[in-house]
Amino acid sequence: MDIAIREQVDLLIPTVTEELPIVAKGWGQRRVIPAMIGPYEAVYTANDKFLTAERLAQSGVAVPRYCLPSQIGSPADIGRLLGWPCLSKPRIGRGGRGVTVWQEEEYTRLRALDDRVILQEFLPGTDYAPNVYLGRDGQATVIVLEKTKLREGIVGNAAEVQRVTAPDVAALAVAAARALNCVGPLDIDIRRRADGRPAVLEINARFGANIAHAPEVLDAALADFGVSS
């Protein structure tokens, strides 16, 4: 905050995941300079993938089946709770860092994980990155991007994307954002189950890396703060 004041910043747009809870908390207390970020509780929840899954599930928003490593004691537990293969990823982290898909024969190594990670059902369908801006007036702007190529093969960040029309994905992204009481820019990961139904993997309370493919979202965000693009 002190740096922003000293540099006479007109509008702060945080984009680094690790900074988001810090900025949301600081700006929630002292809004001397406008910041394009949501309420602290929403940002804090989105920053933790386990808390996100819990909150969304409680609100009736579709998510993959999930649990913590401490909640499983055998391969059969995973088969019952999640199904094989399953996926693990850091509860707090960004991009595809630390995301692993596990087969049943790898259970011995999987059981060494602790509750700093979340275990999830692996969804095999199409992967999407809806870019969303949820305005301070409650209006939502959504552009759905399909991840046509992933950096890690079947998981991870998008190496290539294309704009698509997927109303069910767009509606789910907005429902997830509102369930967490988010405001501002959001980069949401959604993937389809084998039967085609979409589910929310995670929410990033910031602009996504592929925002250049969704300029309408950036335009809506700037207009909300009275800035011309």
Protein backbone atom coordinates (compact mmCIF):
# COMPACT_ATOMS: atom_id res chain seq x y z
CA MET A 1 0.00 0.00 0.00
CA ASP A 2 2.77 2.45 0.94
CA ILE A 3 4.55 1.83 -2.39
CA ALA A 4 1.32 2.35 -4.34
CA ILE A 5 0.69 5.65 -2.55
CA ARG A 6 4.26 6.82 -3.04
CA GLU A 7 4.16 6.01 -6.76
CA GLN A 8 0.72 7.68 -7.11
CA VAL A 9 -0.87 4.56 -8.57
CA ASP A 10 -4.36 5.12 -10.02
CA LEU A 11 -5.48 1.48 -10.01
CA LEU A 12 -3.82 -1.67 -8.68
CA ILE A 13 -4.36 -4.93 -10.61
CA PRO A 14 -2.67 -7.80 -8.76
CA THR A 15 -1.87 -10.80 -10.96
CA VAL A 16 0.42 -13.05 -8.91
CA THR A 17 -1.37 -15.78 -6.97
CA GLU A 18 0.80 -15.56 -3.86
CA GLU A 19 0.06 -11.84 -3.54
CA LEU A 20 -3.72 -12.07 -3.73
CA PRO A 21 -4.65 -12.77 -0.06
CA ILE A 22 -2.11 -10.19 1.11
CA VAL A 23 -3.46 -7.50 -1.18
CA ALA A 24 -7.10 -8.38 -0.46
CA LYS A 25 -6.53 -8.12 3.27
CA GLY A 26 -4.51 -4.90 3.09
CA TRP A 27 -6.86 -3.14 0.69
CA GLY A 28 -9.89 -4.28 2.66
CA GLN A 29 -8.58 -2.25 5.57
CA ARG A 30 -7.34 0.81 3.66
CA ARG A 31 -8.92 1.50 0.28
CA VAL A 32 -6.97 4.68 -0.38
CA ILE A 33 -6.20 3.48 -3.92
CA PRO A 34 -8.66 1.39 -5.98
CA ALA A 35 -7.66 -2.26 -6.35
CA MET A 36 -9.15 -4.78 -8.75
CA ILE A 37 -9.57 -7.60 -6.26
CA GLY A 38 -12.38 -9.28 -4.35
CA PRO A 39 -13.20 -9.40 -0.62
CA TYR A 40 -10.56 -11.02 1.59
CA GLU A 41 -12.66 -14.02 2.62
CA ALA A 42 -13.46 -14.88 -0.99
CA VAL A 43 -9.85 -14.48 -2.11
CA TYR A 44 -8.55 -16.48 0.87
CA THR A 45 -10.98 -19.33 0.13
CA ALA A 46 -10.13 -19.38 -3.58
CA ASN A 47 -6.44 -19.50 -2.70
CA ASP A 48 -6.94 -22.87 -0.93
CA LYS A 49 -8.20 -25.56 -3.31
CA PHE A 50 -9.62 -27.71 -0.49
CA LEU A 51 -11.57 -24.81 1.01
CA THR A 52 -12.78 -23.92 -2.47
CA ALA A 53 -14.07 -27.46 -3.08
CA GLU A 54 -15.79 -27.53 0.31
CA ARG A 55 -17.49 -24.17 -0.18
CA LEU A 56 -18.64 -24.97 -3.71
CA ALA A 57 -19.92 -28.43 -2.75
CA GLN A 58 -21.87 -26.93 0.16
CA SER A 59 -23.42 -24.43 -2.27
CA GLY A 60 -24.46 -27.13 -4.72
CA VAL A 61 -21.86 -26.21 -7.35
CA ALA A 62 -20.45 -29.23 -9.18
CA VAL A 63 -16.87 -30.18 -8.23
CA PRO A 64 -14.85 -33.39 -8.62
CA ARG A 65 -15.04 -35.77 -5.67
CA TYR A 66 -12.27 -34.82 -3.26
CA CYS A 67 -10.63 -35.61 0.07
CA LEU A 68 -7.43 -35.06 2.04
CA PRO A 69 -4.65 -37.68 2.28
CA SER A 70 -5.40 -38.09 6.01
CA GLN A 71 -8.88 -39.31 5.08
CA ILE A 72 -7.70 -42.36 3.15
CA GLY A 73 -6.11 -45.53 4.48
CA SER A 74 -6.06 -47.97 1.57
CA PRO A 75 -6.34 -48.22 -2.21
CA ALA A 76 -9.94 -49.30 -1.66
CA ASP A 77 -10.66 -46.00 0.13
CA ILE A 78 -9.50 -44.06 -2.92
CA GLY A 79 -11.49 -46.33 -5.21
CA ARG A 80 -14.59 -45.65 -3.12
CA LEU A 81 -14.10 -41.93 -2.48
CA LEU A 82 -12.48 -40.79 -5.73
CA GLY A 83 -11.98 -43.64 -8.17
CA TRP A 84 -8.79 -44.59 -9.99
CA PRO A 85 -6.86 -42.89 -11.45
CA CYS A 86 -6.96 -39.94 -9.06
CA LEU A 87 -5.20 -36.61 -8.97
CA SER A 88 -3.20 -34.74 -6.34
CA LYS A 89 -2.20 -31.09 -6.27
CA PRO A 90 -1.03 -28.54 -3.71
CA ARG A 91 -3.86 -26.89 -1.82
CA ILE A 92 -2.04 -23.59 -2.23
CA GLY A 93 -0.16 -23.08 -5.47
CA ARG A 94 -0.51 -21.91 -9.03
CA GLY A 95 -0.40 -23.28 -12.52
CA GLY A 96 0.31 -26.94 -13.00
CA ARG A 97 3.01 -27.05 -10.33
CA GLY A 98 2.89 -30.27 -8.34
CA VAL A 99 -0.15 -31.74 -10.13
CA THR A 100 0.15 -35.54 -10.39
CA VAL A 101 -2.14 -38.22 -11.78
CA TRP A 102 -1.88 -41.47 -9.78
CA GLN A 103 -2.62 -45.05 -10.78
CA GLU A 104 -3.66 -47.67 -8.23
CA GLU A 105 -0.30 -49.43 -8.39
CA GLU A 106 1.35 -46.19 -7.20
CA TYR A 107 -0.60 -46.12 -3.93
CA THR A 108 2.49 -46.76 -1.76
CA ARG A 109 4.01 -43.47 -2.93
CA LEU A 110 0.70 -41.63 -2.84
CA ARG A 111 0.12 -42.51 0.83
CA ALA A 112 3.24 -40.48 1.75
CA LEU A 113 1.41 -37.24 0.86
CA ASP A 114 0.20 -34.99 3.67
CA ASP A 115 -2.71 -32.59 3.97
CA ARG A 116 -0.88 -29.78 2.24
CA VAL A 117 -2.28 -31.38 -0.92
CA ILE A 118 -5.82 -32.22 -2.00
CA LEU A 119 -6.79 -35.46 -3.71
CA GLN A 120 -9.40 -35.23 -6.44
CA GLU A 121 -11.33 -37.43 -8.79
CA PHE A 122 -9.64 -37.28 -12.21
CA LEU A 123 -12.02 -35.91 -14.83
CA PRO A 124 -11.10 -37.12 -18.34
CA GLY A 125 -13.15 -34.71 -20.44
CA THR A 126 -12.55 -31.38 -22.16
CA ASP A 127 -10.65 -28.80 -20.11
CA TYR A 128 -11.75 -25.16 -20.03
CA ALA A 129 -10.49 -21.85 -18.66
CA PRO A 130 -13.47 -19.47 -18.43
CA ASN A 131 -12.29 -15.89 -18.00
CA VAL A 132 -14.77 -13.98 -15.85
CA TYR A 133 -15.28 -10.48 -14.59
CA LEU A 134 -17.90 -10.14 -11.86
CA GLY A 135 -18.66 -6.46 -11.55
CA ARG A 136 -19.39 -4.52 -8.40
CA ASP A 137 -22.97 -4.24 -9.67
CA GLY A 138 -23.23 -8.04 -9.86
CA GLN A 139 -23.07 -8.20 -13.65
CA ALA A 140 -20.91 -10.98 -15.11
CA THR A 141 -18.85 -11.01 -18.29
CA VAL A 142 -17.68 -14.49 -19.32
CA ILE A 143 -15.57 -15.75 -22.19
CA VAL A 144 -15.04 -19.52 -22.28
CA LEU A 145 -11.66 -20.73 -23.52
CA GLU A 146 -11.06 -24.38 -24.28
CA LYS A 147 -7.61 -25.69 -23.45
CA THR A 148 -6.72 -27.44 -26.70
CA LYS A 149 -3.21 -28.38 -25.54
CA LEU A 150 -1.87 -28.83 -21.98
CA ARG A 151 1.76 -28.34 -20.99
CA GLU A 152 1.88 -31.58 -18.98
CA GLY A 153 -0.05 -33.69 -21.47
CA ILE A 154 -3.30 -34.48 -19.62
CA VAL A 155 -3.02 -31.90 -16.81
CA GLY A 156 -1.42 -28.53 -16.19
CA ASN A 157 -1.51 -25.07 -17.71
CA ALA A 158 -2.85 -24.45 -21.18
CA ALA A 159 -0.25 -24.37 -23.93
CA GLU A 160 -2.92 -23.47 -26.50
CA VAL A 161 -6.53 -22.24 -26.19
CA GLN A 162 -9.45 -21.39 -28.41
CA ARG A 163 -12.67 -19.48 -27.79
CA VAL A 164 -15.73 -21.71 -27.70
CA THR A 165 -19.45 -21.47 -27.05
CA ALA A 166 -20.26 -23.57 -23.98
CA PRO A 167 -23.23 -22.11 -22.09
CA ASP A 168 -23.16 -24.78 -19.38
CA VAL A 169 -19.51 -24.03 -18.64
CA ALA A 170 -20.12 -20.28 -18.58
CA ALA A 171 -23.10 -20.68 -16.23
CA LEU A 172 -21.13 -22.96 -13.91
CA ALA A 173 -18.24 -20.47 -13.78
CA VAL A 174 -20.57 -17.65 -12.72
CA ALA A 175 -22.34 -19.86 -10.16
CA ALA A 176 -18.96 -20.79 -8.65
CA ALA A 177 -17.86 -17.16 -8.47
CA ARG A 178 -21.06 -16.12 -6.75
CA ALA A 179 -20.93 -19.07 -4.34
CA LEU A 180 -17.61 -17.74 -3.04
CA ASN A 181 -18.89 -14.12 -3.05
CA CYS A 182 -16.15 -13.17 -5.49
CA VAL A 183 -15.92 -9.78 -7.15
CA GLY A 184 -13.48 -8.77 -9.86
CA PRO A 185 -11.41 -10.76 -12.35
CA LEU A 186 -11.43 -14.56 -12.15
CA ASP A 187 -9.66 -17.36 -14.00
CA ILE A 188 -11.62 -20.57 -13.39
CA ASP A 189 -10.62 -24.12 -14.31
CA ILE A 190 -13.50 -26.39 -15.35
CA ARG A 191 -13.38 -29.88 -16.80
CA ARG A 192 -16.01 -32.27 -18.09
CA ARG A 193 -16.71 -35.68 -16.60
CA ALA A 194 -16.83 -38.74 -18.85
CA ASP A 195 -20.58 -38.18 -19.23
CA GLY A 196 -20.05 -34.59 -20.37
CA ARG A 197 -21.15 -32.78 -17.21
CA PRO A 198 -18.78 -29.95 -16.21
CA ALA A 199 -17.26 -29.51 -12.74
CA VAL A 200 -15.13 -26.75 -11.21
CA LEU A 201 -11.51 -27.72 -10.53
CA GLU A 202 -10.33 -24.44 -8.99
CA ILE A 203 -10.78 -20.67 -8.95
CA ASN A 204 -8.04 -18.06 -9.33
CA ALA A 205 -9.08 -14.61 -8.10
CA ARG A 206 -7.16 -12.75 -10.80
CA PHE A 207 -6.88 -12.36 -14.56
CA GLY A 208 -5.76 -15.54 -16.29
CA ALA A 209 -2.66 -16.04 -18.41
CA ASN A 210 -4.84 -16.19 -21.53
CA ILE A 211 -6.73 -12.93 -20.98
CA ALA A 212 -5.51 -11.73 -24.40
CA HIS A 213 -8.00 -14.20 -25.89
CA ALA A 214 -10.84 -12.63 -23.88
CA PRO A 215 -10.46 -8.85 -24.30
CA GLU A 216 -14.14 -8.28 -23.47
CA VAL A 217 -13.42 -9.39 -19.91
CA LEU A 218 -10.60 -6.87 -19.53
CA ASP A 219 -12.76 -4.15 -21.10
CA ALA A 220 -15.56 -4.87 -18.60
CA ALA A 221 -13.11 -4.72 -15.70
CA LEU A 222 -11.64 -1.39 -16.77
CA ALA A 223 -15.08 0.06 -17.44
CA ASP A 224 -16.14 -0.93 -13.93
CA PHE A 225 -13.40 1.34 -12.62
CA GLY A 226 -14.08 4.13 -15.11
CA VAL A 227 -10.96 3.45 -17.19
CA SER A 228 -10.95 3.37 -20.99
CA SER A 229 -9.20 0.43 -22.65
